[in-house]
């Protein structure tokens, strides 16, 4: 499947209004002018990268995967059908909401609604960060990563991710058997999606946003502390993917990892899988009082919008 990267994501939240100040002032995102009840957040010249829909619960509503073009999108539909997935085709109104030419979706074995689109709307040189900011790492590689919690790693899920979506493996980090990381083959990010395996649980584990300048990580860290957003983990550097980052809880109760200084996985700089003995080189001291993310819940419930 010719997926370019992570195009967008959507969440339902009872705290949409809190994001109107948190997103620009802490994260540096741009809030689009009001377009109905949905709050659209920008991190580059795309129409949006994150959409927050009002809802009673904090939930991951959908993940949007961007295909290279119409030919790749048509082939995507054929691949899904051959694998036994009946894709629903979005109507004109829903495509307009997602700001894409065309979109279709399936619910995967991970109980996540995976949307497949092409032709994302953009307007060059229009991104205005919500605070002084040196920008986000997006472009052809998509906008970061999403980690999903699943109760178990099944053969069906393995086939969906590695064979149907054709994602490339990026190891388990220090949590062998408890984490799995993947990316579309067309981009050089280390991972665009990850899975955290927690028996009996399901949902959104965390979202990673990568910035161009380490100073923006530090500024965000200061603002998180000043405004009282709970930390999940302090500033630190990971081992397998040696980014500098920290984790904090958003107003919707799920963690955001704010990141700089990642590596690329490409033909010129291929990832060689190792077995790191610790999660981080330094830092990333986890808060023992941190709650379970509000977006993770018993696996008996469903997800998607």
C-alpha atoms as a PDB file:
ATOM      1  CA  UNK A   1       0.000   0.000   0.000  1.00  0.00           C
ATOM      2  CA  UNK A   2       1.513   3.322  -1.082  1.00  0.00           C
ATOM      3  CA  UNK A   3       0.972   5.308   2.141  1.00  0.00           C
ATOM      4  CA  UNK A   4       3.034   8.491   2.451  1.00  0.00           C
ATOM      5  CA  UNK A   5       2.530   9.199   6.133  1.00  0.00           C
ATOM      6  CA  UNK A   6       0.242  10.199   8.959  1.00  0.00           C
ATOM      7  CA  UNK A   7      -1.973  12.867   7.401  1.00  0.00           C
ATOM      8  CA  UNK A   8      -4.318  13.769  10.245  1.00  0.00           C
ATOM      9  CA  UNK A   9      -6.091  12.464  13.309  1.00  0.00           C
ATOM     10  CA  UNK A  10      -9.418  13.097  15.009  1.00  0.00           C
ATOM     11  CA  UNK A  11     -10.524  12.892  18.626  1.00  0.00           C
ATOM     12  CA  UNK A  12     -13.743  13.320  20.533  1.00  0.00           C
ATOM     13  CA  UNK A  13     -13.469  15.336  23.730  1.00  0.00           C
ATOM     14  CA  UNK A  14     -15.558  16.963  26.416  1.00  0.00           C
ATOM     15  CA  UNK A  15     -12.792  19.575  26.788  1.00  0.00           C
ATOM     16  CA  UNK A  16     -12.602  21.103  23.320  1.00  0.00           C
ATOM     17  CA  UNK A  17     -12.759  24.658  24.680  1.00  0.00           C
ATOM     18  CA  UNK A  18      -9.688  24.050  26.863  1.00  0.00           C
ATOM     19  CA  UNK A  19      -7.702  23.256  23.713  1.00  0.00           C
ATOM     20  CA  UNK A  20      -8.381  26.734  22.314  1.00  0.00           C
ATOM     21  CA  UNK A  21      -5.740  28.176  24.643  1.00  0.00           C
ATOM     22  CA  UNK A  22      -3.639  25.085  25.412  1.00  0.00           C
ATOM     23  CA  UNK A  23      -2.933  24.191  21.762  1.00  0.00           C
ATOM     24  CA  UNK A  24      -1.537  27.585  20.686  1.00  0.00           C
ATOM     25  CA  UNK A  25      -0.003  28.838  23.933  1.00  0.00           C
ATOM     26  CA  UNK A  26       1.636  25.608  25.117  1.00  0.00           C
ATOM     27  CA  UNK A  27       2.120  23.498  21.974  1.00  0.00           C
ATOM     28  CA  UNK A  28       2.482  26.334  19.461  1.00  0.00           C
ATOM     29  CA  UNK A  29      -0.264  25.028  17.175  1.00  0.00           C
ATOM     30  CA  UNK A  30      -2.500  27.327  15.153  1.00  0.00           C
ATOM     31  CA  UNK A  31      -6.233  27.273  15.843  1.00  0.00           C
ATOM     32  CA  UNK A  32      -8.269  27.683  12.678  1.00  0.00           C
ATOM     33  CA  UNK A  33     -11.166  30.145  12.743  1.00  0.00           C
ATOM     34  CA  UNK A  34     -14.328  28.495  14.045  1.00  0.00           C
ATOM     35  CA  UNK A  35     -15.868  26.095  11.525  1.00  0.00           C
ATOM     36  CA  UNK A  36     -18.909  24.662  13.301  1.00  0.00           C
ATOM     37  CA  UNK A  37     -18.365  22.710  16.510  1.00  0.00           C
ATOM     38  CA  UNK A  38     -15.154  20.985  15.430  1.00  0.00           C
ATOM     39  CA  UNK A  39     -11.843  22.550  16.465  1.00  0.00           C
ATOM     40  CA  UNK A  40      -9.163  22.249  13.773  1.00  0.00           C
ATOM     41  CA  UNK A  41      -5.495  22.571  14.740  1.00  0.00           C
ATOM     42  CA  UNK A  42      -2.694  23.332  12.288  1.00  0.00           C
ATOM     43  CA  UNK A  43       1.036  22.659  12.510  1.00  0.00           C
ATOM     44  CA  UNK A  44       1.971  23.473   8.910  1.00  0.00           C
ATOM     45  CA  UNK A  45       0.339  24.735   5.705  1.00  0.00           C
ATOM     46  CA  UNK A  46      -2.205  21.907   5.607  1.00  0.00           C
ATOM     47  CA  UNK A  47      -5.835  22.737   6.391  1.00  0.00           C
ATOM     48  CA  UNK A  48      -5.365  20.887   9.693  1.00  0.00           C
ATOM     49  CA  UNK A  49      -3.543  17.980  11.276  1.00  0.00           C
ATOM     50  CA  UNK A  50      -5.677  17.449  14.393  1.00  0.00           C
ATOM     51  CA  UNK A  51      -9.462  17.720  14.672  1.00  0.00           C
ATOM     52  CA  UNK A  52     -11.285  17.780  18.010  1.00  0.00           C
ATOM     53  CA  UNK A  53     -14.977  16.910  17.893  1.00  0.00           C
ATOM     54  CA  UNK A  54     -17.199  17.639  20.917  1.00  0.00           C
ATOM     55  CA  UNK A  55     -18.212  14.443  22.691  1.00  0.00           C
ATOM     56  CA  UNK A  56     -19.029  13.030  26.094  1.00  0.00           C
ATOM     57  CA  UNK A  57     -15.886  10.863  26.245  1.00  0.00           C
ATOM     58  CA  UNK A  58     -12.208  11.294  25.463  1.00  0.00           C
ATOM     59  CA  UNK A  59     -11.609   8.990  22.515  1.00  0.00           C
ATOM     60  CA  UNK A  60      -9.427   8.499  19.456  1.00  0.00           C
ATOM     61  CA  UNK A  61     -11.982   8.875  16.674  1.00  0.00           C
ATOM     62  CA  UNK A  62      -9.873   8.113  13.603  1.00  0.00           C
ATOM     63  CA  UNK A  63      -6.396   8.069  12.083  1.00  0.00           C
ATOM     64  CA  UNK A  64      -5.956   9.520   8.591  1.00  0.00           C
ATOM     65  CA  UNK A  65      -3.324   7.890   6.360  1.00  0.00           C
ATOM     66  CA  UNK A  66      -2.291   9.885   3.298  1.00  0.00           C
ATOM     67  CA  UNK A  67      -1.824   8.046  -0.010  1.00  0.00           C
ATOM     68  CA  UNK A  68       0.502   9.319  -2.721  1.00  0.00           C
ATOM     69  CA  UNK A  69      -2.192  10.066  -5.324  1.00  0.00           C
ATOM     70  CA  UNK A  70      -5.450   8.835  -6.876  1.00  0.00           C
ATOM     71  CA  UNK A  71      -3.776   5.795  -8.435  1.00  0.00           C
ATOM     72  CA  UNK A  72      -2.387   4.786  -5.034  1.00  0.00           C
ATOM     73  CA  UNK A  73      -5.792   5.370  -3.416  1.00  0.00           C
ATOM     74  CA  UNK A  74      -7.543   3.139  -5.959  1.00  0.00           C
ATOM     75  CA  UNK A  75      -4.930   0.455  -5.350  1.00  0.00           C
ATOM     76  CA  UNK A  76      -5.444   0.858  -1.587  1.00  0.00           C
ATOM     77  CA  UNK A  77      -9.139   0.046  -1.995  1.00  0.00           C
ATOM     78  CA  UNK A  78      -8.296  -3.070  -4.016  1.00  0.00           C
ATOM     79  CA  UNK A  79      -5.796  -4.218  -1.392  1.00  0.00           C
ATOM     80  CA  UNK A  80      -8.333  -3.732   1.415  1.00  0.00           C
ATOM     81  CA  UNK A  81     -10.999  -5.660  -0.484  1.00  0.00           C
ATOM     82  CA  UNK A  82      -8.610  -8.513  -1.277  1.00  0.00           C
ATOM     83  CA  UNK A  83      -7.733  -8.722   2.428  1.00  0.00           C
ATOM     84  CA  UNK A  84     -11.409  -9.011   3.384  1.00  0.00           C
ATOM     85  CA  UNK A  85     -12.048  -5.420   4.481  1.00  0.00           C
ATOM     86  CA  UNK A  86     -15.044  -3.599   3.016  1.00  0.00           C
ATOM     87  CA  UNK A  87     -14.108   0.069   2.821  1.00  0.00           C
ATOM     88  CA  UNK A  88     -16.746   2.743   3.331  1.00  0.00           C
ATOM     89  CA  UNK A  89     -16.363   5.601   0.851  1.00  0.00           C
ATOM     90  CA  UNK A  90     -16.726   9.095   2.318  1.00  0.00           C
ATOM     91  CA  UNK A  91     -19.324  11.370   0.767  1.00  0.00           C
ATOM     92  CA  UNK A  92     -18.594  14.898  -0.429  1.00  0.00           C
ATOM     93  CA  UNK A  93     -19.503  16.478   2.911  1.00  0.00           C
ATOM     94  CA  UNK A  94     -17.176  14.243   4.918  1.00  0.00           C
ATOM     95  CA  UNK A  95     -14.335  14.753   2.432  1.00  0.00           C
ATOM     96  CA  UNK A  96     -14.839  18.504   2.834  1.00  0.00           C
ATOM     97  CA  UNK A  97     -14.612  18.138   6.626  1.00  0.00           C
ATOM     98  CA  UNK A  98     -11.379  16.168   6.316  1.00  0.00           C
ATOM     99  CA  UNK A  99     -10.172  18.650   3.640  1.00  0.00           C
ATOM    100  CA  UNK A 100      -9.181  15.952   1.120  1.00  0.00           C
ATOM    101  CA  UNK A 101     -10.117  14.988  -2.445  1.00  0.00           C
ATOM    102  CA  UNK A 102     -11.291  11.499  -1.475  1.00  0.00           C
ATOM    103  CA  UNK A 103     -11.337   9.259   1.583  1.00  0.00           C
ATOM    104  CA  UNK A 104     -12.390   5.757   2.564  1.00  0.00           C
ATOM    105  CA  UNK A 105     -12.174   3.940   5.872  1.00  0.00           C
ATOM    106  CA  UNK A 106     -12.175   0.575   7.597  1.00  0.00           C
ATOM    107  CA  UNK A 107     -12.097  -0.473  11.239  1.00  0.00           C
ATOM    108  CA  UNK A 108      -8.926  -2.443  11.834  1.00  0.00           C
ATOM    109  CA  UNK A 109      -8.324  -5.391  14.171  1.00  0.00           C
ATOM    110  CA  UNK A 110      -7.001  -2.778  16.624  1.00  0.00           C
ATOM    111  CA  UNK A 111     -10.578  -1.378  16.776  1.00  0.00           C
ATOM    112  CA  UNK A 112      -9.302   1.902  15.324  1.00  0.00           C
ATOM    113  CA  UNK A 113     -10.978   3.618  12.405  1.00  0.00           C
ATOM    114  CA  UNK A 114      -8.262   3.897   9.755  1.00  0.00           C
ATOM    115  CA  UNK A 115      -9.015   6.450   7.042  1.00  0.00           C
ATOM    116  CA  UNK A 116      -7.197   6.458   3.701  1.00  0.00           C
ATOM    117  CA  UNK A 117      -7.120   9.683   1.710  1.00  0.00           C
ATOM    118  CA  UNK A 118      -5.340  11.603  -1.009  1.00  0.00           C
ATOM    119  CA  UNK A 119      -5.285  15.216  -2.161  1.00  0.00           C
ATOM    120  CA  UNK A 120      -5.002  17.058   1.158  1.00  0.00           C
ATOM    121  CA  UNK A 121      -5.878  20.772   1.091  1.00  0.00           C
ATOM    122  CA  UNK A 122      -3.027  23.212   1.733  1.00  0.00           C
ATOM    123  CA  UNK A 123      -2.248  26.905   1.402  1.00  0.00           C
ATOM    124  CA  UNK A 124       1.444  27.802   1.129  1.00  0.00           C
ATOM    125  CA  UNK A 125       3.055  30.145   3.689  1.00  0.00           C
ATOM    126  CA  UNK A 126      -0.080  30.439   5.820  1.00  0.00           C
ATOM    127  CA  UNK A 127       0.898  28.618   9.029  1.00  0.00           C
ATOM    128  CA  UNK A 128       0.961  31.032  11.968  1.00  0.00           C
ATOM    129  CA  UNK A 129       2.046  29.349  15.212  1.00  0.00           C
ATOM    130  CA  UNK A 130       0.150  30.227  18.337  1.00  0.00           C
ATOM    131  CA  UNK A 131       3.346  31.443  20.035  1.00  0.00           C
ATOM    132  CA  UNK A 132       6.876  32.245  18.826  1.00  0.00           C
ATOM    133  CA  UNK A 133       7.955  28.894  17.413  1.00  0.00           C
ATOM    134  CA  UNK A 134      10.405  27.472  14.846  1.00  0.00           C
ATOM    135  CA  UNK A 135       7.907  25.042  13.377  1.00  0.00           C
ATOM    136  CA  UNK A 136       6.988  21.367  13.370  1.00  0.00           C
ATOM    137  CA  UNK A 137       8.639  18.531  11.471  1.00  0.00           C
ATOM    138  CA  UNK A 138       5.919  17.451   9.030  1.00  0.00           C
ATOM    139  CA  UNK A 139       6.239  17.427   5.226  1.00  0.00           C
ATOM    140  CA  UNK A 140       6.165  14.166   3.307  1.00  0.00           C
ATOM    141  CA  UNK A 141       6.674  12.127   6.460  1.00  0.00           C
ATOM    142  CA  UNK A 142       3.405  13.150   8.063  1.00  0.00           C
ATOM    143  CA  UNK A 143       3.007  14.942  11.360  1.00  0.00           C
ATOM    144  CA  UNK A 144       4.443  12.730  14.079  1.00  0.00           C
ATOM    145  CA  UNK A 145       3.274   9.470  15.603  1.00  0.00           C
ATOM    146  CA  UNK A 146       0.367   7.866  17.403  1.00  0.00           C
ATOM    147  CA  UNK A 147       0.646   4.993  19.876  1.00  0.00           C
ATOM    148  CA  UNK A 148      -2.431   2.811  20.340  1.00  0.00           C
ATOM    149  CA  UNK A 149      -3.075   0.484  23.288  1.00  0.00           C
ATOM    150  CA  UNK A 150      -4.346  -3.003  22.404  1.00  0.00           C
ATOM    151  CA  UNK A 151      -5.121  -5.921  24.743  1.00  0.00           C
ATOM    152  CA  UNK A 152      -3.024  -8.407  22.738  1.00  0.00           C
ATOM    153  CA  UNK A 153      -0.999  -8.722  19.558  1.00  0.00           C
ATOM    154  CA  UNK A 154      -2.937 -11.092  17.329  1.00  0.00           C
ATOM    155  CA  UNK A 155      -2.067 -12.724  14.003  1.00  0.00           C
ATOM    156  CA  UNK A 156      -4.895 -10.721  12.429  1.00  0.00           C
ATOM    157  CA  UNK A 157      -3.472  -7.417  13.672  1.00  0.00           C
ATOM    158  CA  UNK A 158       0.038  -8.417  12.637  1.00  0.00           C
ATOM    159  CA  UNK A 159      -1.211  -9.211   9.112  1.00  0.00           C
ATOM    160  CA  UNK A 160      -3.174  -5.950   8.913  1.00  0.00           C
ATOM    161  CA  UNK A 161      -0.215  -3.771   9.886  1.00  0.00           C
ATOM    162  CA  UNK A 162       2.628  -5.574   8.116  1.00  0.00           C
ATOM    163  CA  UNK A 163       0.888  -7.052   5.053  1.00  0.00           C
ATOM    164  CA  UNK A 164      -2.239  -4.983   4.337  1.00  0.00           C
ATOM    165  CA  UNK A 165      -0.817  -1.568   5.289  1.00  0.00           C
ATOM    166  CA  UNK A 166       2.709  -2.706   4.303  1.00  0.00           C
ATOM    167  CA  UNK A 167       4.280  -0.872   7.243  1.00  0.00           C
ATOM    168  CA  UNK A 168       7.964  -1.273   8.083  1.00  0.00           C
ATOM    169  CA  UNK A 169       9.004  -2.628  11.473  1.00  0.00           C
ATOM    170  CA  UNK A 170      11.003  -0.399  13.833  1.00  0.00           C
ATOM    171  CA  UNK A 171      11.537  -2.667  16.803  1.00  0.00           C
ATOM    172  CA  UNK A 172      10.157  -2.762  20.335  1.00  0.00           C
ATOM    173  CA  UNK A 173      12.518  -0.446  22.152  1.00  0.00           C
ATOM    174  CA  UNK A 174      13.323  -1.556  25.677  1.00  0.00           C
ATOM    175  CA  UNK A 175       9.916  -3.189  26.181  1.00  0.00           C
ATOM    176  CA  UNK A 176      10.350  -6.402  24.183  1.00  0.00           C
ATOM    177  CA  UNK A 177       6.926  -7.996  23.735  1.00  0.00           C
ATOM    178  CA  UNK A 178       5.099  -4.954  25.114  1.00  0.00           C
ATOM    179  CA  UNK A 179       5.675  -2.382  22.352  1.00  0.00           C
ATOM    180  CA  UNK A 180       5.728  -2.479  18.560  1.00  0.00           C
ATOM    181  CA  UNK A 181       6.653   0.432  16.270  1.00  0.00           C
ATOM    182  CA  UNK A 182       6.007   0.871  12.525  1.00  0.00           C
ATOM    183  CA  UNK A 183       6.109   3.413   9.717  1.00  0.00           C
ATOM    184  CA  UNK A 184       4.957   3.648   6.095  1.00  0.00           C
ATOM    185  CA  UNK A 185       7.757   2.590   3.761  1.00  0.00           C
ATOM    186  CA  UNK A 186       7.626   5.866   1.827  1.00  0.00           C
ATOM    187  CA  UNK A 187       8.827   8.083   4.663  1.00  0.00           C
ATOM    188  CA  UNK A 188      11.960   8.131   6.780  1.00  0.00           C
ATOM    189  CA  UNK A 189      10.470   8.633  10.215  1.00  0.00           C
ATOM    190  CA  UNK A 190      11.420   5.961  12.673  1.00  0.00           C
ATOM    191  CA  UNK A 191       7.741   5.321  13.395  1.00  0.00           C
ATOM    192  CA  UNK A 192       4.351   6.767  12.560  1.00  0.00           C
ATOM    193  CA  UNK A 193       2.315   4.340  14.642  1.00  0.00           C
ATOM    194  CA  UNK A 194       3.121   2.243  17.661  1.00  0.00           C
ATOM    195  CA  UNK A 195       1.261  -0.307  19.724  1.00  0.00           C
ATOM    196  CA  UNK A 196       1.370  -0.713  23.483  1.00  0.00           C
ATOM    197  CA  UNK A 197       0.164  -4.167  24.543  1.00  0.00           C
ATOM    198  CA  UNK A 198      -1.805  -4.000  27.803  1.00  0.00           C
ATOM    199  CA  UNK A 199      -4.099  -6.964  28.590  1.00  0.00           C
ATOM    200  CA  UNK A 200      -7.762  -5.970  28.821  1.00  0.00           C
ATOM    201  CA  UNK A 201      -7.236  -2.386  27.638  1.00  0.00           C
ATOM    202  CA  UNK A 202      -7.783  -0.470  24.396  1.00  0.00           C
ATOM    203  CA  UNK A 203      -7.486   3.101  23.100  1.00  0.00           C
ATOM    204  CA  UNK A 204      -5.074   5.974  22.524  1.00  0.00           C
ATOM    205  CA  UNK A 205      -1.839   5.688  24.498  1.00  0.00           C
ATOM    206  CA  UNK A 206      -0.160   8.935  23.401  1.00  0.00           C
ATOM    207  CA  UNK A 207       0.527  11.290  20.489  1.00  0.00           C
ATOM    208  CA  UNK A 208       4.004  12.438  19.473  1.00  0.00           C
ATOM    209  CA  UNK A 209       4.598  15.895  17.964  1.00  0.00           C
ATOM    210  CA  UNK A 210       8.080  16.674  16.615  1.00  0.00           C
ATOM    211  CA  UNK A 211       9.466  20.214  16.448  1.00  0.00           C
ATOM    212  CA  UNK A 212      12.392  21.626  14.483  1.00  0.00           C
ATOM    213  CA  UNK A 213      14.176  23.320  17.387  1.00  0.00           C
ATOM    214  CA  UNK A 214      15.157  21.941  20.782  1.00  0.00           C
ATOM    215  CA  UNK A 215      14.398  25.318  22.348  1.00  0.00           C
ATOM    216  CA  UNK A 216      10.713  24.817  21.533  1.00  0.00           C
ATOM    217  CA  UNK A 217      10.764  21.616  23.587  1.00  0.00           C
ATOM    218  CA  UNK A 218      12.227  23.575  26.491  1.00  0.00           C
ATOM    219  CA  UNK A 219       9.708  26.402  26.157  1.00  0.00           C
ATOM    220  CA  UNK A 220       6.818  23.934  26.046  1.00  0.00           C
ATOM    221  CA  UNK A 221       8.257  22.153  29.100  1.00  0.00           C
ATOM    222  CA  UNK A 222       8.355  25.430  31.034  1.00  0.00           C
ATOM    223  CA  UNK A 223       4.784  26.292  30.061  1.00  0.00           C
ATOM    224  CA  UNK A 224       3.494  22.854  31.025  1.00  0.00           C
ATOM    225  CA  UNK A 225       5.046  23.242  34.476  1.00  0.00           C
ATOM    226  CA  UNK A 226       3.925  26.864  34.879  1.00  0.00           C
ATOM    227  CA  UNK A 227       0.318  26.075  33.965  1.00  0.00           C
ATOM    228  CA  UNK A 228       0.033  22.908  35.996  1.00  0.00           C
ATOM    229  CA  UNK A 229      -0.463  20.286  33.303  1.00  0.00           C
ATOM    230  CA  UNK A 230       0.512  16.934  34.848  1.00  0.00           C
ATOM    231  CA  UNK A 231       3.728  15.333  33.637  1.00  0.00           C
ATOM    232  CA  UNK A 232       3.766  11.703  32.604  1.00  0.00           C
ATOM    233  CA  UNK A 233       7.573  11.705  32.212  1.00  0.00           C
ATOM    234  CA  UNK A 234      10.275  14.337  32.631  1.00  0.00           C
ATOM    235  CA  UNK A 235      12.573  15.595  29.896  1.00  0.00           C
ATOM    236  CA  UNK A 236      14.880  12.855  28.631  1.00  0.00           C
ATOM    237  CA  UNK A 237      16.506  11.119  25.660  1.00  0.00           C
ATOM    238  CA  UNK A 238      15.298   7.718  24.418  1.00  0.00           C
ATOM    239  CA  UNK A 239      17.707   4.919  23.504  1.00  0.00           C
ATOM    240  CA  UNK A 240      16.375   3.212  20.350  1.00  0.00           C
ATOM    241  CA  UNK A 241      15.084   6.421  18.759  1.00  0.00           C
ATOM    242  CA  UNK A 242      17.351   8.973  20.483  1.00  0.00           C
ATOM    243  CA  UNK A 243      14.952  11.896  20.543  1.00  0.00           C
ATOM    244  CA  UNK A 244      14.890  14.443  23.342  1.00  0.00           C
ATOM    245  CA  UNK A 245      11.339  14.693  24.625  1.00  0.00           C
ATOM    246  CA  UNK A 246       8.956  14.872  27.544  1.00  0.00           C
ATOM    247  CA  UNK A 247       5.432  13.581  28.126  1.00  0.00           C
ATOM    248  CA  UNK A 248       2.566  15.531  29.656  1.00  0.00           C
ATOM    249  CA  UNK A 249      -1.201  15.162  29.868  1.00  0.00           C
ATOM    250  CA  UNK A 250      -3.310  17.242  27.503  1.00  0.00           C
ATOM    251  CA  UNK A 251      -6.671  18.730  28.569  1.00  0.00           C
ATOM    252  CA  UNK A 252      -8.287  15.581  27.135  1.00  0.00           C
ATOM    253  CA  UNK A 253      -6.354  13.368  29.532  1.00  0.00           C
ATOM    254  CA  UNK A 254      -4.061  11.632  27.049  1.00  0.00           C
ATOM    255  CA  UNK A 255      -0.289  12.193  26.989  1.00  0.00           C
ATOM    256  CA  UNK A 256       1.513  14.211  24.339  1.00  0.00           C
ATOM    257  CA  UNK A 257       5.184  13.539  23.714  1.00  0.00           C
ATOM    258  CA  UNK A 258       6.879  16.757  22.594  1.00  0.00           C
ATOM    259  CA  UNK A 259       9.983  15.837  20.586  1.00  0.00           C
ATOM    260  CA  UNK A 260      13.170  17.056  18.927  1.00  0.00           C
ATOM    261  CA  UNK A 261      16.357  15.528  17.472  1.00  0.00           C
ATOM    262  CA  UNK A 262      15.100  12.255  16.047  1.00  0.00           C
ATOM    263  CA  UNK A 263      16.948  10.048  13.572  1.00  0.00           C
ATOM    264  CA  UNK A 264      15.821   8.867  10.153  1.00  0.00           C
ATOM    265  CA  UNK A 265      15.403   5.296   8.907  1.00  0.00           C
ATOM    266  CA  UNK A 266      16.352   5.293   5.231  1.00  0.00           C
ATOM    267  CA  UNK A 267      18.497   3.516   2.657  1.00  0.00           C
ATOM    268  CA  UNK A 268      21.304   5.953   3.432  1.00  0.00           C
ATOM    269  CA  UNK A 269      20.883   5.576   7.195  1.00  0.00           C
ATOM    270  CA  UNK A 270      19.200   2.185   7.798  1.00  0.00           C
ATOM    271  CA  UNK A 271      17.885   1.253  11.226  1.00  0.00           C
ATOM    272  CA  UNK A 272      19.815  -1.661  12.718  1.00  0.00           C
ATOM    273  CA  UNK A 273      17.675  -3.339  15.344  1.00  0.00           C
ATOM    274  CA  UNK A 274      19.283  -3.736  18.726  1.00  0.00           C
ATOM    275  CA  UNK A 275      18.133  -4.646  22.220  1.00  0.00           C
ATOM    276  CA  UNK A 276      18.299  -1.513  24.370  1.00  0.00           C
ATOM    277  CA  UNK A 277      18.565  -2.311  28.056  1.00  0.00           C
ATOM    278  CA  UNK A 278      16.762   0.828  29.161  1.00  0.00           C
ATOM    279  CA  UNK A 279      14.031   3.061  27.795  1.00  0.00           C
ATOM    280  CA  UNK A 280      16.168   6.199  27.951  1.00  0.00           C
ATOM    281  CA  UNK A 281      19.783   7.345  28.115  1.00  0.00           C
ATOM    282  CA  UNK A 282      18.845   9.941  30.719  1.00  0.00           C
ATOM    283  CA  UNK A 283      15.687  11.503  32.103  1.00  0.00           C
ATOM    284  CA  UNK A 284      12.154  10.341  31.306  1.00  0.00           C
ATOM    285  CA  UNK A 285      11.487   9.804  34.998  1.00  0.00           C
ATOM    286  CA  UNK A 286       7.892   8.613  35.064  1.00  0.00           C
ATOM    287  CA  UNK A 287       5.408  10.195  37.434  1.00  0.00           C
ATOM    288  CA  UNK A 288       4.288   7.433  39.842  1.00  0.00           C
ATOM    289  CA  UNK A 289       1.010   9.286  40.392  1.00  0.00           C
ATOM    290  CA  UNK A 290       0.215   9.678  36.686  1.00  0.00           C
ATOM    291  CA  UNK A 291      -3.266   8.383  35.861  1.00  0.00           C
ATOM    292  CA  UNK A 292      -4.126   5.940  33.104  1.00  0.00           C
ATOM    293  CA  UNK A 293      -4.748   8.004  29.949  1.00  0.00           C
ATOM    294  CA  UNK A 294      -8.415   8.992  29.744  1.00  0.00           C
ATOM    295  CA  UNK A 295      -8.419   7.670  26.178  1.00  0.00           C
ATOM    296  CA  UNK A 296      -7.529   4.112  27.309  1.00  0.00           C
ATOM    297  CA  UNK A 297     -10.441   1.996  28.499  1.00  0.00           C
ATOM    298  CA  UNK A 298     -11.617  -1.634  28.902  1.00  0.00           C
ATOM    299  CA  UNK A 299     -11.376  -3.580  25.647  1.00  0.00           C
ATOM    300  CA  UNK A 300     -15.081  -4.444  25.822  1.00  0.00           C
ATOM    301  CA  UNK A 301     -15.870  -0.919  24.587  1.00  0.00           C
ATOM    302  CA  UNK A 302     -15.659   0.203  20.943  1.00  0.00           C
ATOM    303  CA  UNK A 303     -13.756   3.063  19.302  1.00  0.00           C
ATOM    304  CA  UNK A 304     -14.212   5.182  16.182  1.00  0.00           C
ATOM    305  CA  UNK A 305     -16.400   7.912  14.808  1.00  0.00           C
END
